[in-house]
Amino acid sequence: MKKLWFITNPSSGSTTQAKCDAIEAVFAERGLDLIKRTIFPQDDLPTPAALDAVGVDTAVLFAGDGTINAAVAALAQWGGAILILPGGTMNLLAKTLHGDADAAAIIHAAHEGGETIALPIVQAGPHRALVGVILGPAASWVRARELVRGRRVRGLLRAVRHAWAKTFTRGIRLERVPAMHHRQQAIFVMPDQGALDLRGVDAREWRAILALGWDWLTGDWIASPAITQVHVTSFGIAGRKPTLALFDGEPVMLDPGVTISGGTTRKMFLQTKKEMA
């Protein structure tokens, strides 16, 4: 870890300019060479060729799950390493790789000798998720969630009404998952070492629905109650219409008949848990 390309997103959970400046000060303290910065989505994400052309060996991502997903997809075929710093709301990937350490401690540990590992993913056609996928009526809360995070009042009531109406639909039904034979209000799909951890929520009572909607608005969707939990290698979505899904929080329409399965990235992510210990 010597030459860095720094990728941030000012609209992510905690990536203020002051924090970006503090991180760059740590780079300088360690004698690391900051080659270039990308402010996403204002700037295009770098390509593997662009990083190789200037000798970059490590891309540092200080952003939320959606930006990290986009950057990892852009650099999937790149031969360098990726260092993820906690810059989102929940920072699940950063916690997986570094525990509860802050950005400065992570940079110090990575420079002293982090381990490069692969991560499990959820995959469906061309789409990948490092944190997880959300299916079912709960996915319709995405618009309201983004308005809340952006502190925008205009349109919020309309978005909440739309999500509320969707919540009372028949739900989503899966194929090849016998344990979830009835329709679910939400399916949380998380990668689990090449397999999938499925958590189905059937929120029919108003108290459960309010709790689910609040979890979405505050960003803590992983904490939503799991009524049914199973582990599978793959599954499908019943029906003949496209289905709204959230891949690491970003909306995607899945075609009918698509198979959702577990997979693994190449070894590209710097992990510092051992160094922290």
C-alpha atoms as a PDB file:
ATOM      1  CA  MET A   1       0.000   0.000   0.000  1.00  0.00           C
ATOM      2  CA  LYS A   2       1.998   2.938  -1.361  1.00  0.00           C
ATOM      3  CA  LYS A   3       0.147   4.792  -4.110  1.00  0.00           C
ATOM      4  CA  LEU A   4      -3.518   5.611  -3.473  1.00  0.00           C
ATOM      5  CA  TRP A   5      -6.611   6.690  -5.379  1.00  0.00           C
ATOM      6  CA  PHE A   6      -9.162   8.201  -2.936  1.00  0.00           C
ATOM      7  CA  ILE A   7     -12.879   7.759  -3.771  1.00  0.00           C
ATOM      8  CA  THR A   8     -15.533   9.572  -1.710  1.00  0.00           C
ATOM      9  CA  ASN A   9     -19.207  10.485  -1.917  1.00  0.00           C
ATOM     10  CA  PRO A  10     -20.241  13.706  -0.089  1.00  0.00           C
ATOM     11  CA  SER A  11     -23.882  12.521   0.094  1.00  0.00           C
ATOM     12  CA  SER A  12     -23.012   9.334   1.996  1.00  0.00           C
ATOM     13  CA  GLY A  13     -23.645   8.936   5.702  1.00  0.00           C
ATOM     14  CA  SER A  14     -20.614  10.647   7.256  1.00  0.00           C
ATOM     15  CA  THR A  15     -18.218  11.741   4.501  1.00  0.00           C
ATOM     16  CA  THR A  16     -17.877  15.400   5.388  1.00  0.00           C
ATOM     17  CA  GLN A  17     -15.096  17.481   3.863  1.00  0.00           C
ATOM     18  CA  ALA A  18     -13.469  17.803   7.284  1.00  0.00           C
ATOM     19  CA  LYS A  19     -13.315  14.017   7.632  1.00  0.00           C
ATOM     20  CA  CYS A  20     -11.902  13.652   4.114  1.00  0.00           C
ATOM     21  CA  ASP A  21      -9.215  16.197   4.976  1.00  0.00           C
ATOM     22  CA  ALA A  22      -8.398  14.293   8.177  1.00  0.00           C
ATOM     23  CA  ILE A  23      -8.027  11.044   6.229  1.00  0.00           C
ATOM     24  CA  GLU A  24      -5.720  12.703   3.708  1.00  0.00           C
ATOM     25  CA  ALA A  25      -3.640  14.008   6.630  1.00  0.00           C
ATOM     26  CA  VAL A  26      -3.211  10.397   7.797  1.00  0.00           C
ATOM     27  CA  PHE A  27      -2.058   9.439   4.292  1.00  0.00           C
ATOM     28  CA  ALA A  28       0.596  12.148   4.516  1.00  0.00           C
ATOM     29  CA  GLU A  29       1.589  11.092   8.036  1.00  0.00           C
ATOM     30  CA  ARG A  30       2.219   7.544   6.816  1.00  0.00           C
ATOM     31  CA  GLY A  31       4.178   8.772   3.787  1.00  0.00           C
ATOM     32  CA  LEU A  32       1.579   7.436   1.356  1.00  0.00           C
ATOM     33  CA  ASP A  33       1.345   8.956  -2.112  1.00  0.00           C
ATOM     34  CA  LEU A  34      -2.165  10.239  -2.882  1.00  0.00           C
ATOM     35  CA  ILE A  35      -2.239  10.143  -6.682  1.00  0.00           C
ATOM     36  CA  LYS A  36      -5.805  11.315  -7.326  1.00  0.00           C
ATOM     37  CA  ARG A  37      -9.246  11.895  -5.779  1.00  0.00           C
ATOM     38  CA  THR A  38     -12.656  10.974  -7.175  1.00  0.00           C
ATOM     39  CA  ILE A  39     -15.778  12.684  -5.813  1.00  0.00           C
ATOM     40  CA  PHE A  40     -18.661  10.412  -6.845  1.00  0.00           C
ATOM     41  CA  PRO A  41     -21.127  10.852  -8.528  1.00  0.00           C
ATOM     42  CA  GLN A  42     -19.808  14.261  -9.603  1.00  0.00           C
ATOM     43  CA  ASP A  43     -16.762  12.496 -11.108  1.00  0.00           C
ATOM     44  CA  ASP A  44     -16.780   9.256 -13.065  1.00  0.00           C
ATOM     45  CA  LEU A  45     -15.380   6.257 -11.234  1.00  0.00           C
ATOM     46  CA  PRO A  46     -11.846   5.336 -12.332  1.00  0.00           C
ATOM     47  CA  THR A  47     -11.208   2.387 -14.628  1.00  0.00           C
ATOM     48  CA  PRO A  48      -8.586  -0.289 -13.983  1.00  0.00           C
ATOM     49  CA  ALA A  49      -6.573   1.142 -16.894  1.00  0.00           C
ATOM     50  CA  ALA A  50      -6.621   4.620 -15.355  1.00  0.00           C
ATOM     51  CA  LEU A  51      -5.300   3.308 -12.025  1.00  0.00           C
ATOM     52  CA  ASP A  52      -2.620   1.194 -13.684  1.00  0.00           C
ATOM     53  CA  ALA A  53      -1.497   4.113 -15.871  1.00  0.00           C
ATOM     54  CA  VAL A  54      -0.405   6.102 -12.787  1.00  0.00           C
ATOM     55  CA  GLY A  55       0.880   3.144 -10.769  1.00  0.00           C
ATOM     56  CA  VAL A  56      -1.856   3.071  -8.123  1.00  0.00           C
ATOM     57  CA  ASP A  57      -1.812  -0.076  -5.968  1.00  0.00           C
ATOM     58  CA  THR A  58      -4.705   0.696  -3.584  1.00  0.00           C
ATOM     59  CA  ALA A  59      -8.123   2.295  -4.066  1.00  0.00           C
ATOM     60  CA  VAL A  60      -9.420   3.803  -0.808  1.00  0.00           C
ATOM     61  CA  LEU A  61     -13.224   4.004  -0.560  1.00  0.00           C
ATOM     62  CA  PHE A  62     -14.774   6.400   1.971  1.00  0.00           C
ATOM     63  CA  ALA A  63     -18.488   6.219   1.182  1.00  0.00           C
ATOM     64  CA  GLY A  64     -21.734   4.354   1.759  1.00  0.00           C
ATOM     65  CA  ASP A  65     -22.749   0.895   0.574  1.00  0.00           C
ATOM     66  CA  GLY A  66     -24.154   2.042  -2.787  1.00  0.00           C
ATOM     67  CA  THR A  67     -21.011   3.929  -3.809  1.00  0.00           C
ATOM     68  CA  ILE A  68     -18.796   1.090  -2.603  1.00  0.00           C
ATOM     69  CA  ASN A  69     -20.844  -1.353  -4.686  1.00  0.00           C
ATOM     70  CA  ALA A  70     -20.478   0.834  -7.789  1.00  0.00           C
ATOM     71  CA  ALA A  71     -16.727   1.291  -7.273  1.00  0.00           C
ATOM     72  CA  VAL A  72     -16.108  -2.403  -6.672  1.00  0.00           C
ATOM     73  CA  ALA A  73     -18.067  -3.237  -9.829  1.00  0.00           C
ATOM     74  CA  ALA A  74     -15.966  -0.744 -11.810  1.00  0.00           C
ATOM     75  CA  LEU A  75     -12.738  -2.260 -10.453  1.00  0.00           C
ATOM     76  CA  ALA A  76     -13.791  -5.919 -10.475  1.00  0.00           C
ATOM     77  CA  GLN A  77     -11.083  -6.866 -12.994  1.00  0.00           C
ATOM     78  CA  TRP A  78      -8.388  -4.637 -11.522  1.00  0.00           C
ATOM     79  CA  GLY A  79      -5.314  -6.290  -9.992  1.00  0.00           C
ATOM     80  CA  GLY A  80      -4.893  -3.864  -7.067  1.00  0.00           C
ATOM     81  CA  ALA A  81      -6.334  -3.789  -3.550  1.00  0.00           C
ATOM     82  CA  ILE A  82      -9.365  -1.972  -2.127  1.00  0.00           C
ATOM     83  CA  LEU A  83      -9.413  -0.413   1.344  1.00  0.00           C
ATOM     84  CA  ILE A  84     -12.904   0.334   2.679  1.00  0.00           C
ATOM     85  CA  LEU A  85     -13.232   2.999   5.374  1.00  0.00           C
ATOM     86  CA  PRO A  86     -16.407   3.604   7.444  1.00  0.00           C
ATOM     87  CA  GLY A  87     -18.184   6.398   5.577  1.00  0.00           C
ATOM     88  CA  GLY A  88     -21.826   5.306   5.443  1.00  0.00           C
ATOM     89  CA  THR A  89     -24.755   4.958   7.836  1.00  0.00           C
ATOM     90  CA  MET A  90     -24.257   1.397   9.095  1.00  0.00           C
ATOM     91  CA  ASN A  91     -20.762   0.627   7.735  1.00  0.00           C
ATOM     92  CA  LEU A  92     -21.374  -3.121   7.639  1.00  0.00           C
ATOM     93  CA  LEU A  93     -18.543  -3.842   5.206  1.00  0.00           C
ATOM     94  CA  ALA A  94     -16.052  -1.753   7.151  1.00  0.00           C
ATOM     95  CA  LYS A  95     -17.033  -3.568  10.355  1.00  0.00           C
ATOM     96  CA  THR A  96     -16.644  -6.934   8.636  1.00  0.00           C
ATOM     97  CA  LEU A  97     -13.129  -6.031   7.517  1.00  0.00           C
ATOM     98  CA  HIS A  98     -11.895  -3.878  10.396  1.00  0.00           C
ATOM     99  CA  GLY A  99     -14.203  -4.236  13.391  1.00  0.00           C
ATOM    100  CA  ASP A 100     -15.176  -0.974  15.079  1.00  0.00           C
ATOM    101  CA  ALA A 101     -11.885   0.828  14.334  1.00  0.00           C
ATOM    102  CA  ASP A 102     -12.017   4.380  13.010  1.00  0.00           C
ATOM    103  CA  ALA A 103     -10.611   5.456   9.650  1.00  0.00           C
ATOM    104  CA  ALA A 104      -7.230   6.611  10.983  1.00  0.00           C
ATOM    105  CA  ALA A 105      -6.595   3.359  12.864  1.00  0.00           C
ATOM    106  CA  ILE A 106      -7.594   1.344   9.792  1.00  0.00           C
ATOM    107  CA  ILE A 107      -5.157   3.225   7.549  1.00  0.00           C
ATOM    108  CA  HIS A 108      -2.294   2.748  10.030  1.00  0.00           C
ATOM    109  CA  ALA A 109      -3.028  -0.998  10.354  1.00  0.00           C
ATOM    110  CA  ALA A 110      -3.412  -1.500   6.592  1.00  0.00           C
ATOM    111  CA  HIS A 111      -0.116   0.262   5.893  1.00  0.00           C
ATOM    112  CA  GLU A 112       1.644  -1.895   8.455  1.00  0.00           C
ATOM    113  CA  GLY A 113       0.412  -5.088   6.828  1.00  0.00           C
ATOM    114  CA  GLY A 114      -3.262  -5.772   6.136  1.00  0.00           C
ATOM    115  CA  GLU A 115      -4.412  -9.095   4.698  1.00  0.00           C
ATOM    116  CA  THR A 116      -6.089  -9.190   1.272  1.00  0.00           C
ATOM    117  CA  ILE A 117      -9.245 -11.336   1.287  1.00  0.00           C
ATOM    118  CA  ALA A 118     -12.260 -12.180  -0.870  1.00  0.00           C
ATOM    119  CA  LEU A 119     -15.823 -11.373   0.206  1.00  0.00           C
ATOM    120  CA  PRO A 120     -19.061 -13.306  -0.348  1.00  0.00           C
ATOM    121  CA  ILE A 121     -21.671 -11.656  -2.572  1.00  0.00           C
ATOM    122  CA  VAL A 122     -25.274 -11.979  -3.694  1.00  0.00           C
ATOM    123  CA  GLN A 123     -25.544 -12.149  -7.479  1.00  0.00           C
ATOM    124  CA  ALA A 124     -28.436 -11.982  -9.926  1.00  0.00           C
ATOM    125  CA  GLY A 125     -27.634 -11.594 -13.607  1.00  0.00           C
ATOM    126  CA  PRO A 126     -25.254  -8.603 -13.920  1.00  0.00           C
ATOM    127  CA  HIS A 127     -26.073  -7.297 -10.442  1.00  0.00           C
ATOM    128  CA  ARG A 128     -23.979  -7.876  -7.308  1.00  0.00           C
ATOM    129  CA  ALA A 129     -24.444  -7.003  -3.631  1.00  0.00           C
ATOM    130  CA  LEU A 130     -21.713  -7.049  -0.997  1.00  0.00           C
ATOM    131  CA  VAL A 131     -24.000  -6.224   1.944  1.00  0.00           C
ATOM    132  CA  GLY A 132     -27.344  -7.624   0.827  1.00  0.00           C
ATOM    133  CA  VAL A 133     -30.485  -7.509  -1.289  1.00  0.00           C
ATOM    134  CA  ILE A 134     -34.010  -6.551  -0.239  1.00  0.00           C
ATOM    135  CA  LEU A 135     -37.046  -7.932  -2.069  1.00  0.00           C
ATOM    136  CA  GLY A 136     -40.777  -7.526  -1.638  1.00  0.00           C
ATOM    137  CA  PRO A 137     -43.024  -4.596  -0.694  1.00  0.00           C
ATOM    138  CA  ALA A 138     -40.402  -3.335   1.793  1.00  0.00           C
ATOM    139  CA  ALA A 139     -38.221  -2.307  -1.154  1.00  0.00           C
ATOM    140  CA  SER A 140     -40.774   0.385  -2.020  1.00  0.00           C
ATOM    141  CA  TRP A 141     -39.662   2.367   1.056  1.00  0.00           C
ATOM    142  CA  VAL A 142     -36.423   3.286  -0.736  1.00  0.00           C
ATOM    143  CA  ARG A 143     -37.731   6.637  -2.033  1.00  0.00           C
ATOM    144  CA  ALA A 144     -38.920   7.745   1.409  1.00  0.00           C
ATOM    145  CA  ARG A 145     -35.623   6.651   2.956  1.00  0.00           C
ATOM    146  CA  GLU A 146     -33.551   8.725   0.535  1.00  0.00           C
ATOM    147  CA  LEU A 147     -35.709  11.804   1.159  1.00  0.00           C
ATOM    148  CA  VAL A 148     -35.239  11.428   4.916  1.00  0.00           C
ATOM    149  CA  ARG A 149     -31.480  10.966   4.580  1.00  0.00           C
ATOM    150  CA  GLY A 150     -31.287  14.032   2.356  1.00  0.00           C
ATOM    151  CA  ARG A 151     -33.453  16.008   4.803  1.00  0.00           C
ATOM    152  CA  ARG A 152     -35.889  16.803   2.016  1.00  0.00           C
ATOM    153  CA  VAL A 153     -39.518  17.282   3.056  1.00  0.00           C
ATOM    154  CA  ARG A 154     -40.997  17.868  -0.384  1.00  0.00           C
ATOM    155  CA  GLY A 155     -42.403  14.618  -1.750  1.00  0.00           C
ATOM    156  CA  LEU A 156     -41.879  12.692   1.508  1.00  0.00           C
ATOM    157  CA  LEU A 157     -45.578  12.290   2.325  1.00  0.00           C
ATOM    158  CA  ARG A 158     -46.292  11.011  -1.186  1.00  0.00           C
ATOM    159  CA  ALA A 159     -43.402   8.542  -0.945  1.00  0.00           C
ATOM    160  CA  VAL A 160     -44.584   7.268   2.450  1.00  0.00           C
ATOM    161  CA  ARG A 161     -48.147   6.835   1.190  1.00  0.00           C
ATOM    162  CA  HIS A 162     -46.888   4.886  -1.820  1.00  0.00           C
ATOM    163  CA  ALA A 163     -44.716   2.635   0.355  1.00  0.00           C
ATOM    164  CA  TRP A 164     -47.546   2.124   2.849  1.00  0.00           C
ATOM    165  CA  ALA A 165     -49.940   1.060   0.076  1.00  0.00           C
ATOM    166  CA  LYS A 166     -47.352  -1.336  -1.332  1.00  0.00           C
ATOM    167  CA  THR A 167     -46.857  -2.860   2.116  1.00  0.00           C
ATOM    168  CA  PHE A 168     -50.457  -4.106   2.072  1.00  0.00           C
ATOM    169  CA  THR A 169     -50.069  -5.928  -1.237  1.00  0.00           C
ATOM    170  CA  ARG A 170     -49.939  -9.693  -1.430  1.00  0.00           C
ATOM    171  CA  GLY A 171     -46.198  -9.787  -0.875  1.00  0.00           C
ATOM    172  CA  ILE A 172     -43.520 -11.728  -2.695  1.00  0.00           C
ATOM    173  CA  ARG A 173     -43.283 -15.486  -3.191  1.00  0.00           C
ATOM    174  CA  LEU A 174     -40.032 -17.354  -3.769  1.00  0.00           C
ATOM    175  CA  GLU A 175     -39.270 -20.464  -5.791  1.00  0.00           C
ATOM    176  CA  ARG A 176     -37.129 -23.343  -4.490  1.00  0.00           C
ATOM    177  CA  VAL A 177     -37.433 -22.233  -0.847  1.00  0.00           C
ATOM    178  CA  PRO A 178     -39.982 -24.605   0.770  1.00  0.00           C
ATOM    179  CA  ALA A 179     -39.635 -23.001   4.203  1.00  0.00           C
ATOM    180  CA  MET A 180     -41.098 -19.778   2.773  1.00  0.00           C
ATOM    181  CA  HIS A 181     -44.188 -21.220   1.163  1.00  0.00           C
ATOM    182  CA  HIS A 182     -46.383 -18.143   1.790  1.00  0.00           C
ATOM    183  CA  ARG A 183     -45.921 -14.607   0.526  1.00  0.00           C
ATOM    184  CA  GLN A 184     -43.555 -12.372   2.477  1.00  0.00           C
ATOM    185  CA  GLN A 185     -43.684  -8.611   2.995  1.00  0.00           C
ATOM    186  CA  ALA A 186     -39.908  -8.452   2.834  1.00  0.00           C
ATOM    187  CA  ILE A 187     -37.031 -10.788   2.027  1.00  0.00           C
ATOM    188  CA  PHE A 188     -33.565  -9.812   3.259  1.00  0.00           C
ATOM    189  CA  VAL A 189     -30.882 -11.699   1.318  1.00  0.00           C
ATOM    190  CA  MET A 190     -27.349 -11.609   2.740  1.00  0.00           C
ATOM    191  CA  PRO A 191     -24.199 -13.273   1.382  1.00  0.00           C
ATOM    192  CA  ASP A 192     -22.876 -16.089   3.519  1.00  0.00           C
ATOM    193  CA  GLN A 193     -19.638 -17.727   2.305  1.00  0.00           C
ATOM    194  CA  GLY A 194     -20.867 -18.653  -1.153  1.00  0.00           C
ATOM    195  CA  ALA A 195     -24.423 -19.326   0.043  1.00  0.00           C
ATOM    196  CA  LEU A 196     -27.339 -17.044   0.981  1.00  0.00           C
ATOM    197  CA  ASP A 197     -28.870 -16.124   4.332  1.00  0.00           C
ATOM    198  CA  LEU A 198     -32.583 -15.420   3.722  1.00  0.00           C
ATOM    199  CA  ARG A 199     -34.759 -13.651   6.285  1.00  0.00           C
ATOM    200  CA  GLY A 200     -38.435 -13.389   5.482  1.00  0.00           C
ATOM    201  CA  VAL A 201     -40.659 -10.829   7.193  1.00  0.00           C
ATOM    202  CA  ASP A 202     -44.430 -11.210   7.197  1.00  0.00           C
ATOM    203  CA  ALA A 203     -45.579  -7.871   8.648  1.00  0.00           C
ATOM    204  CA  ARG A 204     -49.375  -7.931   8.436  1.00  0.00           C
ATOM    205  CA  GLU A 205     -50.279  -6.170  11.690  1.00  0.00           C
ATOM    206  CA  TRP A 206     -49.994  -2.377  11.774  1.00  0.00           C
ATOM    207  CA  ARG A 207     -47.478  -2.354  14.650  1.00  0.00           C
ATOM    208  CA  ALA A 208     -45.125  -4.651  12.716  1.00  0.00           C
ATOM    209  CA  ILE A 209     -45.581  -2.582   9.565  1.00  0.00           C
ATOM    210  CA  LEU A 210     -44.787   0.660  11.382  1.00  0.00           C
ATOM    211  CA  ALA A 211     -41.662  -0.913  12.894  1.00  0.00           C
ATOM    212  CA  LEU A 212     -40.530  -2.137   9.478  1.00  0.00           C
ATOM    213  CA  GLY A 213     -41.104   1.255   7.869  1.00  0.00           C
ATOM    214  CA  TRP A 214     -39.248   3.033  10.664  1.00  0.00           C
ATOM    215  CA  ASP A 215     -36.276   0.659  10.302  1.00  0.00           C
ATOM    216  CA  TRP A 216     -36.111   1.633   6.641  1.00  0.00           C
ATOM    217  CA  LEU A 217     -36.353   5.353   7.294  1.00  0.00           C
ATOM    218  CA  THR A 218     -33.586   5.249   9.892  1.00  0.00           C
ATOM    219  CA  GLY A 219     -31.400   2.977   7.748  1.00  0.00           C
ATOM    220  CA  ASP A 220     -31.224   0.022  10.150  1.00  0.00           C
ATOM    221  CA  TRP A 221     -32.871  -2.513   7.848  1.00  0.00           C
ATOM    222  CA  ILE A 222     -30.748  -5.439   9.066  1.00  0.00           C
ATOM    223  CA  ALA A 223     -32.394  -5.087  12.504  1.00  0.00           C
ATOM    224  CA  SER A 224     -35.907  -5.685  11.143  1.00  0.00           C
ATOM    225  CA  PRO A 225     -37.509  -8.760  12.758  1.00  0.00           C
ATOM    226  CA  ALA A 226     -36.751 -12.022  10.926  1.00  0.00           C
ATOM    227  CA  ILE A 227     -39.815 -14.198  11.087  1.00  0.00           C
ATOM    228  CA  THR A 228     -38.392 -16.957   8.888  1.00  0.00           C
ATOM    229  CA  GLN A 229     -34.668 -17.561   8.358  1.00  0.00           C
ATOM    230  CA  VAL A 230     -33.170 -20.164   6.014  1.00  0.00           C
ATOM    231  CA  HIS A 231     -29.893 -20.778   4.196  1.00  0.00           C
ATOM    232  CA  VAL A 232     -29.902 -21.711   0.503  1.00  0.00           C
ATOM    233  CA  THR A 233     -27.463 -21.725  -2.407  1.00  0.00           C
ATOM    234  CA  SER A 234     -29.912 -20.146  -4.872  1.00  0.00           C
ATOM    235  CA  PHE A 235     -33.574 -19.314  -5.431  1.00  0.00           C
ATOM    236  CA  GLY A 236     -35.966 -17.637  -7.854  1.00  0.00           C
ATOM    237  CA  ILE A 237     -38.853 -15.186  -7.627  1.00  0.00           C
ATOM    238  CA  ALA A 238     -42.295 -16.443  -8.604  1.00  0.00           C
ATOM    239  CA  GLY A 239     -44.324 -14.427 -11.108  1.00  0.00           C
ATOM    240  CA  ARG A 240     -44.092 -13.055 -14.635  1.00  0.00           C
ATOM    241  CA  LYS A 241     -43.442  -9.375 -13.954  1.00  0.00           C
ATOM    242  CA  PRO A 242     -40.171  -7.576 -13.159  1.00  0.00           C
ATOM    243  CA  THR A 243     -39.462  -7.268  -9.438  1.00  0.00           C
ATOM    244  CA  LEU A 244     -38.044  -4.273  -7.587  1.00  0.00           C
ATOM    245  CA  ALA A 245     -34.934  -5.188  -5.589  1.00  0.00           C
ATOM    246  CA  LEU A 246     -32.421  -3.147  -3.635  1.00  0.00           C
ATOM    247  CA  PHE A 247     -28.789  -4.189  -4.132  1.00  0.00           C
ATOM    248  CA  ASP A 248     -26.791  -2.592  -1.311  1.00  0.00           C
ATOM    249  CA  GLY A 249     -29.572  -0.025  -1.097  1.00  0.00           C
ATOM    250  CA  GLU A 250     -29.674   0.821  -4.817  1.00  0.00           C
ATOM    251  CA  PRO A 251     -32.921   0.045  -6.740  1.00  0.00           C
ATOM    252  CA  VAL A 252     -32.784  -2.530  -9.548  1.00  0.00           C
ATOM    253  CA  MET A 253     -35.570  -4.181 -11.553  1.00  0.00           C
ATOM    254  CA  LEU A 254     -35.014  -7.932 -11.801  1.00  0.00           C
ATOM    255  CA  ASP A 255     -36.344  -9.770 -14.841  1.00  0.00           C
ATOM    256  CA  PRO A 256     -38.785 -12.654 -14.324  1.00  0.00           C
ATOM    257  CA  GLY A 257     -37.064 -16.007 -13.920  1.00  0.00           C
ATOM    258  CA  VAL A 258     -33.684 -14.615 -12.835  1.00  0.00           C
ATOM    259  CA  THR A 259     -31.764 -16.838 -10.415  1.00  0.00           C
ATOM    260  CA  ILE A 260     -30.354 -15.241  -7.276  1.00  0.00           C
ATOM    261  CA  SER A 261     -27.334 -17.078  -5.909  1.00  0.00           C
ATOM    262  CA  GLY A 262     -24.291 -16.740  -3.700  1.00  0.00           C
ATOM    263  CA  GLY A 263     -20.803 -16.077  -5.013  1.00  0.00           C
ATOM    264  CA  THR A 264     -17.394 -14.754  -4.057  1.00  0.00           C
ATOM    265  CA  THR A 265     -15.247 -11.861  -5.240  1.00  0.00           C
ATOM    266  CA  ARG A 266     -11.554 -12.224  -5.993  1.00  0.00           C
ATOM    267  CA  LYS A 267      -9.071 -11.455  -3.223  1.00  0.00           C
ATOM    268  CA  MET A 268      -9.115  -7.666  -3.376  1.00  0.00           C
ATOM    269  CA  PHE A 269     -10.227  -6.267   0.004  1.00  0.00           C
ATOM    270  CA  LEU A 270      -7.745  -5.232   2.689  1.00  0.00           C
ATOM    271  CA  GLN A 271      -8.657  -6.595   6.106  1.00  0.00           C
ATOM    272  CA  THR A 272      -7.035  -5.314   9.304  1.00  0.00           C
ATOM    273  CA  LYS A 273      -8.800  -7.221  12.075  1.00  0.00           C
ATOM    274  CA  LYS A 274      -5.698  -9.309  12.854  1.00  0.00           C
ATOM    275  CA  GLU A 275      -3.505  -6.217  12.992  1.00  0.00           C
ATOM    276  CA  MET A 276      -6.004  -4.552  15.337  1.00  0.00           C
ATOM    277  CA  ALA A 277      -5.882  -7.583  17.641  1.00  0.00           C
END
